[in-house]
Amino acid sequence: MKRRLMLALAPLWVAACSTAPVPEATVVSAPEAPSGGPQQMEFKLASGRYDCDAGQTVVVQRHADDGNRIEVRWKGRSAALERNPSASGLPRYESGASPLVWIDLPWKSFLLDQQSGKPLASDCVAS
């Protein structure tokens, strides 16, 4: 009798072990930046040559002592750019003295014309 009871309950034990509890829904909000603006993302990004679409090349030199400053060289032009807070939090480097804007992501980057917003070099990847 004990054996029959154990055999009858075996499927229930197996089902109980294999059923995962349903997690409660949670909402997590991103922390705000200390200044009240959007949180800025930080990535470890490469210096050196970036190969872009249409065979273009951009050279980015990061300042070792200040992660908020870079120098960008493209088509014989050179520009010293500083990181500015962006609404998305992505690294965006620009300068009032230069029309160039460098958007920096770990998987690809873009060089934009600041006045028109049009891409000058897209899908740039560190080589």
N, C-alpha and C. Protein backbone atom coordinates (compact mmCIF):
# COMPACT_ATOMS: atom_id res chain seq x y z
N MET A 1 0.82 -1.18 0.00
CA MET A 1 0.00 0.00 0.00
C MET A 1 0.87 1.27 0.00
N LYS A 2 1.90 1.25 0.80
CA LYS A 2 2.81 2.37 0.86
C LYS A 2 3.46 2.60 -0.51
N ARG A 3 3.79 1.51 -1.15
CA ARG A 3 4.43 1.60 -2.47
C ARG A 3 3.47 2.20 -3.49
N ARG A 4 2.21 1.80 -3.46
CA ARG A 4 1.21 2.34 -4.39
C ARG A 4 1.02 3.84 -4.16
N LEU A 5 1.00 4.22 -2.91
CA LEU A 5 0.83 5.64 -2.59
C LEU A 5 2.02 6.45 -3.12
N MET A 6 3.23 5.93 -2.95
CA MET A 6 4.43 6.62 -3.44
C MET A 6 4.41 6.70 -4.96
N LEU A 7 3.99 5.63 -5.64
CA LEU A 7 3.91 5.65 -7.09
C LEU A 7 2.85 6.63 -7.58
N ALA A 8 1.76 6.71 -6.85
CA ALA A 8 0.69 7.64 -7.24
C ALA A 8 1.10 9.10 -7.04
N LEU A 9 1.92 9.37 -6.02
CA LEU A 9 2.34 10.74 -5.74
C LEU A 9 3.60 11.16 -6.51
N ALA A 10 4.30 10.22 -7.10
CA ALA A 10 5.55 10.52 -7.80
C ALA A 10 5.38 11.58 -8.89
N PRO A 11 4.35 11.51 -9.75
CA PRO A 11 4.20 12.56 -10.77
C PRO A 11 3.99 13.96 -10.16
N LEU A 12 3.33 14.03 -9.02
CA LEU A 12 3.13 15.33 -8.38
C LEU A 12 4.45 15.90 -7.87
N TRP A 13 5.30 15.05 -7.32
CA TRP A 13 6.60 15.51 -6.84
C TRP A 13 7.47 16.01 -8.00
N VAL A 14 7.45 15.27 -9.09
CA VAL A 14 8.24 15.67 -10.26
C VAL A 14 7.73 17.00 -10.80
N ALA A 15 6.42 17.14 -10.89
CA ALA A 15 5.84 18.39 -11.39
C ALA A 15 6.17 19.55 -10.46
N ALA A 16 6.13 19.32 -9.17
CA ALA A 16 6.43 20.38 -8.21
C ALA A 16 7.89 20.82 -8.31
N CYS A 17 8.78 19.89 -8.60
CA CYS A 17 10.20 20.23 -8.70
C CYS A 17 10.52 20.96 -10.00
N SER A 18 9.76 20.72 -11.06
CA SER A 18 10.09 21.31 -12.35
C SER A 18 9.37 22.62 -12.61
N THR A 19 8.42 22.99 -11.82
CA THR A 19 7.68 24.23 -12.02
C THR A 19 8.38 25.37 -11.29
N ALA A 20 8.80 26.36 -12.06
CA ALA A 20 9.48 27.51 -11.46
C ALA A 20 8.45 28.54 -11.01
N PRO A 21 8.68 29.20 -9.89
CA PRO A 21 7.75 30.23 -9.46
C PRO A 21 7.79 31.42 -10.43
N VAL A 22 6.67 32.07 -10.61
CA VAL A 22 6.59 33.23 -11.49
C VAL A 22 7.11 34.44 -10.72
N PRO A 23 8.16 35.11 -11.27
CA PRO A 23 8.70 36.27 -10.56
C PRO A 23 7.73 37.45 -10.63
N GLU A 24 7.77 38.26 -9.59
CA GLU A 24 6.94 39.45 -9.57
C GLU A 24 7.54 40.49 -10.52
N ALA A 25 6.68 41.26 -11.14
CA ALA A 25 7.14 42.32 -12.04
C ALA A 25 7.74 43.45 -11.20
N THR A 26 8.89 43.93 -11.66
CA THR A 26 9.52 45.05 -10.97
C THR A 26 9.85 46.13 -11.99
N VAL A 27 9.83 47.35 -11.56
CA VAL A 27 10.19 48.49 -12.40
C VAL A 27 11.43 49.11 -11.79
N VAL A 28 12.47 49.22 -12.62
CA VAL A 28 13.72 49.82 -12.16
C VAL A 28 13.96 51.06 -12.99
N SER A 29 14.14 52.18 -12.35
CA SER A 29 14.42 53.41 -13.08
C SER A 29 15.91 53.69 -13.03
N ALA A 30 16.41 54.30 -14.10
CA ALA A 30 17.83 54.65 -14.16
C ALA A 30 18.11 55.78 -13.17
N PRO A 31 19.26 55.73 -12.53
CA PRO A 31 19.58 56.81 -11.60
C PRO A 31 19.82 58.12 -12.35
N GLU A 32 19.46 59.21 -11.74
CA GLU A 32 19.70 60.52 -12.35
C GLU A 32 21.12 60.96 -12.07
N ALA A 33 21.63 61.78 -12.96
CA ALA A 33 22.96 62.34 -12.78
C ALA A 33 22.93 63.29 -11.59
N PRO A 34 24.07 63.48 -10.92
CA PRO A 34 24.09 64.36 -9.75
C PRO A 34 23.57 65.77 -10.04
N SER A 35 23.78 66.26 -11.25
CA SER A 35 23.35 67.62 -11.59
C SER A 35 21.87 67.68 -11.93
N GLY A 36 21.18 66.54 -11.92
CA GLY A 36 19.77 66.50 -12.27
C GLY A 36 19.55 66.22 -13.74
N GLY A 37 20.61 66.22 -14.55
CA GLY A 37 20.50 65.91 -15.98
C GLY A 37 20.52 64.41 -16.20
N PRO A 38 20.50 63.98 -17.45
CA PRO A 38 20.51 62.54 -17.73
C PRO A 38 21.84 61.90 -17.31
N GLN A 39 21.77 60.65 -16.90
CA GLN A 39 22.96 59.88 -16.50
C GLN A 39 23.85 59.69 -17.73
N GLN A 40 25.13 59.98 -17.61
CA GLN A 40 26.06 59.83 -18.73
C GLN A 40 26.74 58.47 -18.65
N MET A 41 26.80 57.78 -19.77
CA MET A 41 27.39 56.44 -19.82
C MET A 41 28.90 56.54 -19.94
N GLU A 42 29.58 55.57 -19.34
CA GLU A 42 31.03 55.52 -19.39
C GLU A 42 31.45 54.20 -20.04
N PHE A 43 32.27 54.28 -21.08
CA PHE A 43 32.80 53.10 -21.76
C PHE A 43 34.31 53.22 -21.83
N LYS A 44 34.99 52.08 -21.88
CA LYS A 44 36.42 52.08 -22.16
C LYS A 44 36.55 52.04 -23.68
N LEU A 45 37.03 53.11 -24.28
CA LEU A 45 37.05 53.24 -25.73
C LEU A 45 38.47 53.38 -26.23
N ALA A 46 38.69 52.93 -27.46
CA ALA A 46 40.03 52.84 -28.03
C ALA A 46 40.51 54.17 -28.60
N SER A 47 41.82 54.35 -28.56
CA SER A 47 42.48 55.41 -29.31
C SER A 47 43.04 54.77 -30.57
N GLY A 48 43.27 55.60 -31.57
CA GLY A 48 43.89 55.09 -32.79
C GLY A 48 42.99 55.24 -34.00
N ARG A 49 43.25 54.39 -34.97
CA ARG A 49 42.57 54.46 -36.26
C ARG A 49 41.22 53.76 -36.21
N TYR A 50 40.22 54.42 -36.77
CA TYR A 50 38.88 53.86 -36.92
C TYR A 50 38.59 53.76 -38.41
N ASP A 51 38.22 52.57 -38.88
CA ASP A 51 37.83 52.37 -40.27
C ASP A 51 36.32 52.52 -40.36
N CYS A 52 35.89 53.34 -41.33
CA CYS A 52 34.47 53.69 -41.45
C CYS A 52 33.93 53.24 -42.81
N ASP A 53 32.61 53.38 -42.97
CA ASP A 53 31.97 53.08 -44.25
C ASP A 53 32.59 53.93 -45.36
N ALA A 54 32.43 53.48 -46.59
CA ALA A 54 32.92 54.18 -47.78
C ALA A 54 34.43 54.37 -47.75
N GLY A 55 35.16 53.51 -47.02
CA GLY A 55 36.61 53.54 -47.01
C GLY A 55 37.22 54.72 -46.27
N GLN A 56 36.45 55.44 -45.51
CA GLN A 56 36.97 56.59 -44.78
C GLN A 56 37.70 56.14 -43.51
N THR A 57 38.59 56.99 -43.04
CA THR A 57 39.36 56.72 -41.83
C THR A 57 39.29 57.94 -40.91
N VAL A 58 39.10 57.68 -39.63
CA VAL A 58 39.14 58.72 -38.60
C VAL A 58 40.16 58.27 -37.56
N VAL A 59 41.03 59.19 -37.14
CA VAL A 59 42.01 58.88 -36.10
C VAL A 59 41.59 59.63 -34.83
N VAL A 60 41.47 58.87 -33.74
CA VAL A 60 41.04 59.45 -32.46
C VAL A 60 42.16 59.24 -31.45
N GLN A 61 42.60 60.33 -30.84
CA GLN A 61 43.61 60.26 -29.78
C GLN A 61 42.98 60.73 -28.49
N ARG A 62 42.91 59.85 -27.51
CA ARG A 62 42.32 60.20 -26.21
C ARG A 62 43.41 60.73 -25.29
N HIS A 63 43.08 61.74 -24.51
CA HIS A 63 44.03 62.30 -23.55
C HIS A 63 44.10 61.37 -22.34
N ALA A 64 45.32 60.95 -22.00
CA ALA A 64 45.51 60.01 -20.89
C ALA A 64 45.11 60.63 -19.54
N ASP A 65 45.32 61.93 -19.39
CA ASP A 65 45.04 62.57 -18.11
C ASP A 65 43.61 63.09 -17.97
N ASP A 66 42.86 63.14 -19.08
CA ASP A 66 41.50 63.67 -19.03
C ASP A 66 40.62 62.89 -20.01
N GLY A 67 39.80 62.00 -19.50
CA GLY A 67 38.95 61.17 -20.35
C GLY A 67 37.84 61.93 -21.06
N ASN A 68 37.70 63.21 -20.75
CA ASN A 68 36.67 64.02 -21.40
C ASN A 68 37.18 64.79 -22.61
N ARG A 69 38.45 64.58 -22.97
CA ARG A 69 39.03 65.29 -24.12
C ARG A 69 39.62 64.30 -25.11
N ILE A 70 39.38 64.58 -26.40
CA ILE A 70 39.97 63.78 -27.48
C ILE A 70 40.43 64.71 -28.59
N GLU A 71 41.30 64.19 -29.45
CA GLU A 71 41.67 64.87 -30.68
C GLU A 71 41.25 63.97 -31.83
N VAL A 72 40.53 64.54 -32.80
CA VAL A 72 40.03 63.79 -33.95
C VAL A 72 40.71 64.32 -35.20
N ARG A 73 41.23 63.40 -36.04
CA ARG A 73 41.80 63.77 -37.34
C ARG A 73 41.00 63.06 -38.43
N TRP A 74 40.57 63.86 -39.41
CA TRP A 74 39.75 63.33 -40.51
C TRP A 74 39.98 64.19 -41.75
N LYS A 75 40.33 63.56 -42.86
CA LYS A 75 40.54 64.25 -44.15
C LYS A 75 41.45 65.47 -44.01
N GLY A 76 42.55 65.32 -43.29
CA GLY A 76 43.52 66.39 -43.15
C GLY A 76 43.14 67.47 -42.14
N ARG A 77 41.99 67.35 -41.53
CA ARG A 77 41.56 68.31 -40.51
C ARG A 77 41.76 67.70 -39.14
N SER A 78 42.10 68.53 -38.18
CA SER A 78 42.28 68.08 -36.81
C SER A 78 41.44 68.96 -35.89
N ALA A 79 40.81 68.33 -34.91
CA ALA A 79 39.96 69.09 -33.99
C ALA A 79 40.11 68.55 -32.57
N ALA A 80 40.27 69.47 -31.62
CA ALA A 80 40.28 69.11 -30.20
C ALA A 80 38.83 69.20 -29.72
N LEU A 81 38.30 68.08 -29.23
CA LEU A 81 36.90 68.01 -28.82
C LEU A 81 36.80 67.65 -27.34
N GLU A 82 35.74 68.12 -26.71
CA GLU A 82 35.47 67.79 -25.30
C GLU A 82 34.12 67.11 -25.20
N ARG A 83 34.01 66.22 -24.22
CA ARG A 83 32.75 65.52 -24.02
C ARG A 83 31.71 66.49 -23.45
N ASN A 84 30.55 66.47 -24.07
CA ASN A 84 29.41 67.26 -23.61
C ASN A 84 28.31 66.32 -23.20
N PRO A 85 27.57 66.64 -22.15
CA PRO A 85 26.46 65.76 -21.75
C PRO A 85 25.44 65.66 -22.89
N SER A 86 24.98 64.45 -23.13
CA SER A 86 23.97 64.24 -24.18
C SER A 86 22.68 63.76 -23.53
N ALA A 87 21.58 63.99 -24.21
CA ALA A 87 20.27 63.57 -23.69
C ALA A 87 20.19 62.07 -23.54
N SER A 88 20.88 61.33 -24.42
CA SER A 88 20.85 59.86 -24.37
C SER A 88 21.86 59.30 -23.38
N GLY A 89 22.83 60.12 -22.96
CA GLY A 89 23.88 59.65 -22.07
C GLY A 89 25.07 59.06 -22.80
N LEU A 90 24.98 58.93 -24.13
CA LEU A 90 26.09 58.37 -24.91
C LEU A 90 27.22 59.39 -25.02
N PRO A 91 28.47 58.90 -25.13
CA PRO A 91 29.61 59.82 -25.25
C PRO A 91 29.51 60.66 -26.52
N ARG A 92 29.47 61.97 -26.36
CA ARG A 92 29.38 62.92 -27.48
C ARG A 92 30.46 63.97 -27.26
N TYR A 93 31.37 64.08 -28.23
CA TYR A 93 32.47 65.02 -28.14
C TYR A 93 32.29 66.11 -29.20
N GLU A 94 32.42 67.38 -28.78
CA GLU A 94 32.27 68.48 -29.72
C GLU A 94 33.01 69.70 -29.19
N SER A 95 33.07 70.74 -30.03
CA SER A 95 33.74 71.98 -29.66
C SER A 95 33.08 73.12 -30.42
N GLY A 96 32.99 74.28 -29.79
CA GLY A 96 32.45 75.45 -30.47
C GLY A 96 33.36 75.94 -31.59
N ALA A 97 34.65 75.57 -31.52
CA ALA A 97 35.61 76.03 -32.52
C ALA A 97 35.68 75.10 -33.73
N SER A 98 34.99 73.98 -33.71
CA SER A 98 35.06 73.01 -34.80
C SER A 98 33.66 72.55 -35.18
N PRO A 99 33.45 72.29 -36.48
CA PRO A 99 32.14 71.78 -36.90
C PRO A 99 31.99 70.27 -36.69
N LEU A 100 33.03 69.60 -36.17
CA LEU A 100 32.99 68.15 -36.03
C LEU A 100 32.38 67.72 -34.69
N VAL A 101 31.62 66.62 -34.73
CA VAL A 101 31.06 65.99 -33.54
C VAL A 101 31.37 64.51 -33.63
N TRP A 102 31.92 63.93 -32.57
CA TRP A 102 32.26 62.50 -32.53
C TRP A 102 31.34 61.82 -31.52
N ILE A 103 30.52 60.87 -32.01
CA ILE A 103 29.66 60.06 -31.16
C ILE A 103 30.37 58.72 -30.98
N ASP A 104 30.63 58.35 -29.74
CA ASP A 104 31.51 57.22 -29.44
C ASP A 104 30.77 56.10 -28.74
N LEU A 105 30.74 54.92 -29.35
CA LEU A 105 30.13 53.73 -28.77
C LEU A 105 31.14 52.59 -28.80
N PRO A 106 31.02 51.60 -27.94
CA PRO A 106 31.98 50.49 -27.98
C PRO A 106 31.92 49.69 -29.28
N TRP A 107 30.77 49.60 -29.91
CA TRP A 107 30.63 48.75 -31.09
C TRP A 107 30.77 49.52 -32.40
N LYS A 108 30.52 50.83 -32.42
CA LYS A 108 30.76 51.67 -33.60
C LYS A 108 30.64 53.13 -33.20
N SER A 109 31.21 53.99 -34.03
CA SER A 109 31.20 55.42 -33.75
C SER A 109 30.84 56.19 -35.02
N PHE A 110 30.55 57.48 -34.85
CA PHE A 110 30.12 58.32 -35.97
C PHE A 110 30.77 59.68 -35.88
N LEU A 111 31.13 60.25 -37.03
CA LEU A 111 31.60 61.62 -37.11
C LEU A 111 30.51 62.42 -37.82
N LEU A 112 30.04 63.48 -37.16
CA LEU A 112 28.93 64.27 -37.69
C LEU A 112 29.35 65.71 -37.94
N ASP A 113 28.63 66.37 -38.85
CA ASP A 113 28.75 67.80 -39.04
C ASP A 113 27.83 68.47 -38.02
N GLN A 114 28.39 69.29 -37.16
CA GLN A 114 27.62 69.89 -36.07
C GLN A 114 26.49 70.79 -36.57
N GLN A 115 26.73 71.50 -37.65
CA GLN A 115 25.73 72.46 -38.13
C GLN A 115 24.54 71.76 -38.79
N SER A 116 24.81 70.77 -39.65
CA SER A 116 23.72 70.10 -40.37
C SER A 116 23.24 68.84 -39.66
N GLY A 117 24.08 68.27 -38.80
CA GLY A 117 23.75 67.01 -38.14
C GLY A 117 23.93 65.80 -39.04
N LYS A 118 24.43 66.02 -40.25
CA LYS A 118 24.61 64.91 -41.20
C LYS A 118 25.90 64.16 -40.89
N PRO A 119 25.89 62.83 -41.12
CA PRO A 119 27.11 62.05 -40.88
C PRO A 119 28.19 62.35 -41.92
N LEU A 120 29.41 62.51 -41.45
CA LEU A 120 30.56 62.66 -42.32
C LEU A 120 31.27 61.33 -42.49
N ALA A 121 31.28 60.52 -41.45
CA ALA A 121 31.85 59.17 -41.46
C ALA A 121 30.99 58.32 -40.53
N SER A 122 30.45 57.21 -41.05
CA SER A 122 29.56 56.39 -40.23
C SER A 122 30.07 54.98 -40.05
N ASP A 123 29.51 54.31 -39.05
CA ASP A 123 29.85 52.93 -38.71
C ASP A 123 31.36 52.74 -38.59
N CYS A 124 32.00 53.62 -37.85
CA CYS A 124 33.45 53.56 -37.65
C CYS A 124 33.78 52.55 -36.55
N VAL A 125 34.76 51.69 -36.84
CA VAL A 125 35.16 50.64 -35.91
C VAL A 125 36.67 50.73 -35.70
N ALA A 126 37.12 50.65 -34.46
CA ALA A 126 38.56 50.70 -34.16
C ALA A 126 39.26 49.54 -34.85
N SER A 127 40.37 49.85 -35.53
CA SER A 127 41.10 48.79 -36.23
C SER A 127 42.32 48.35 -35.47
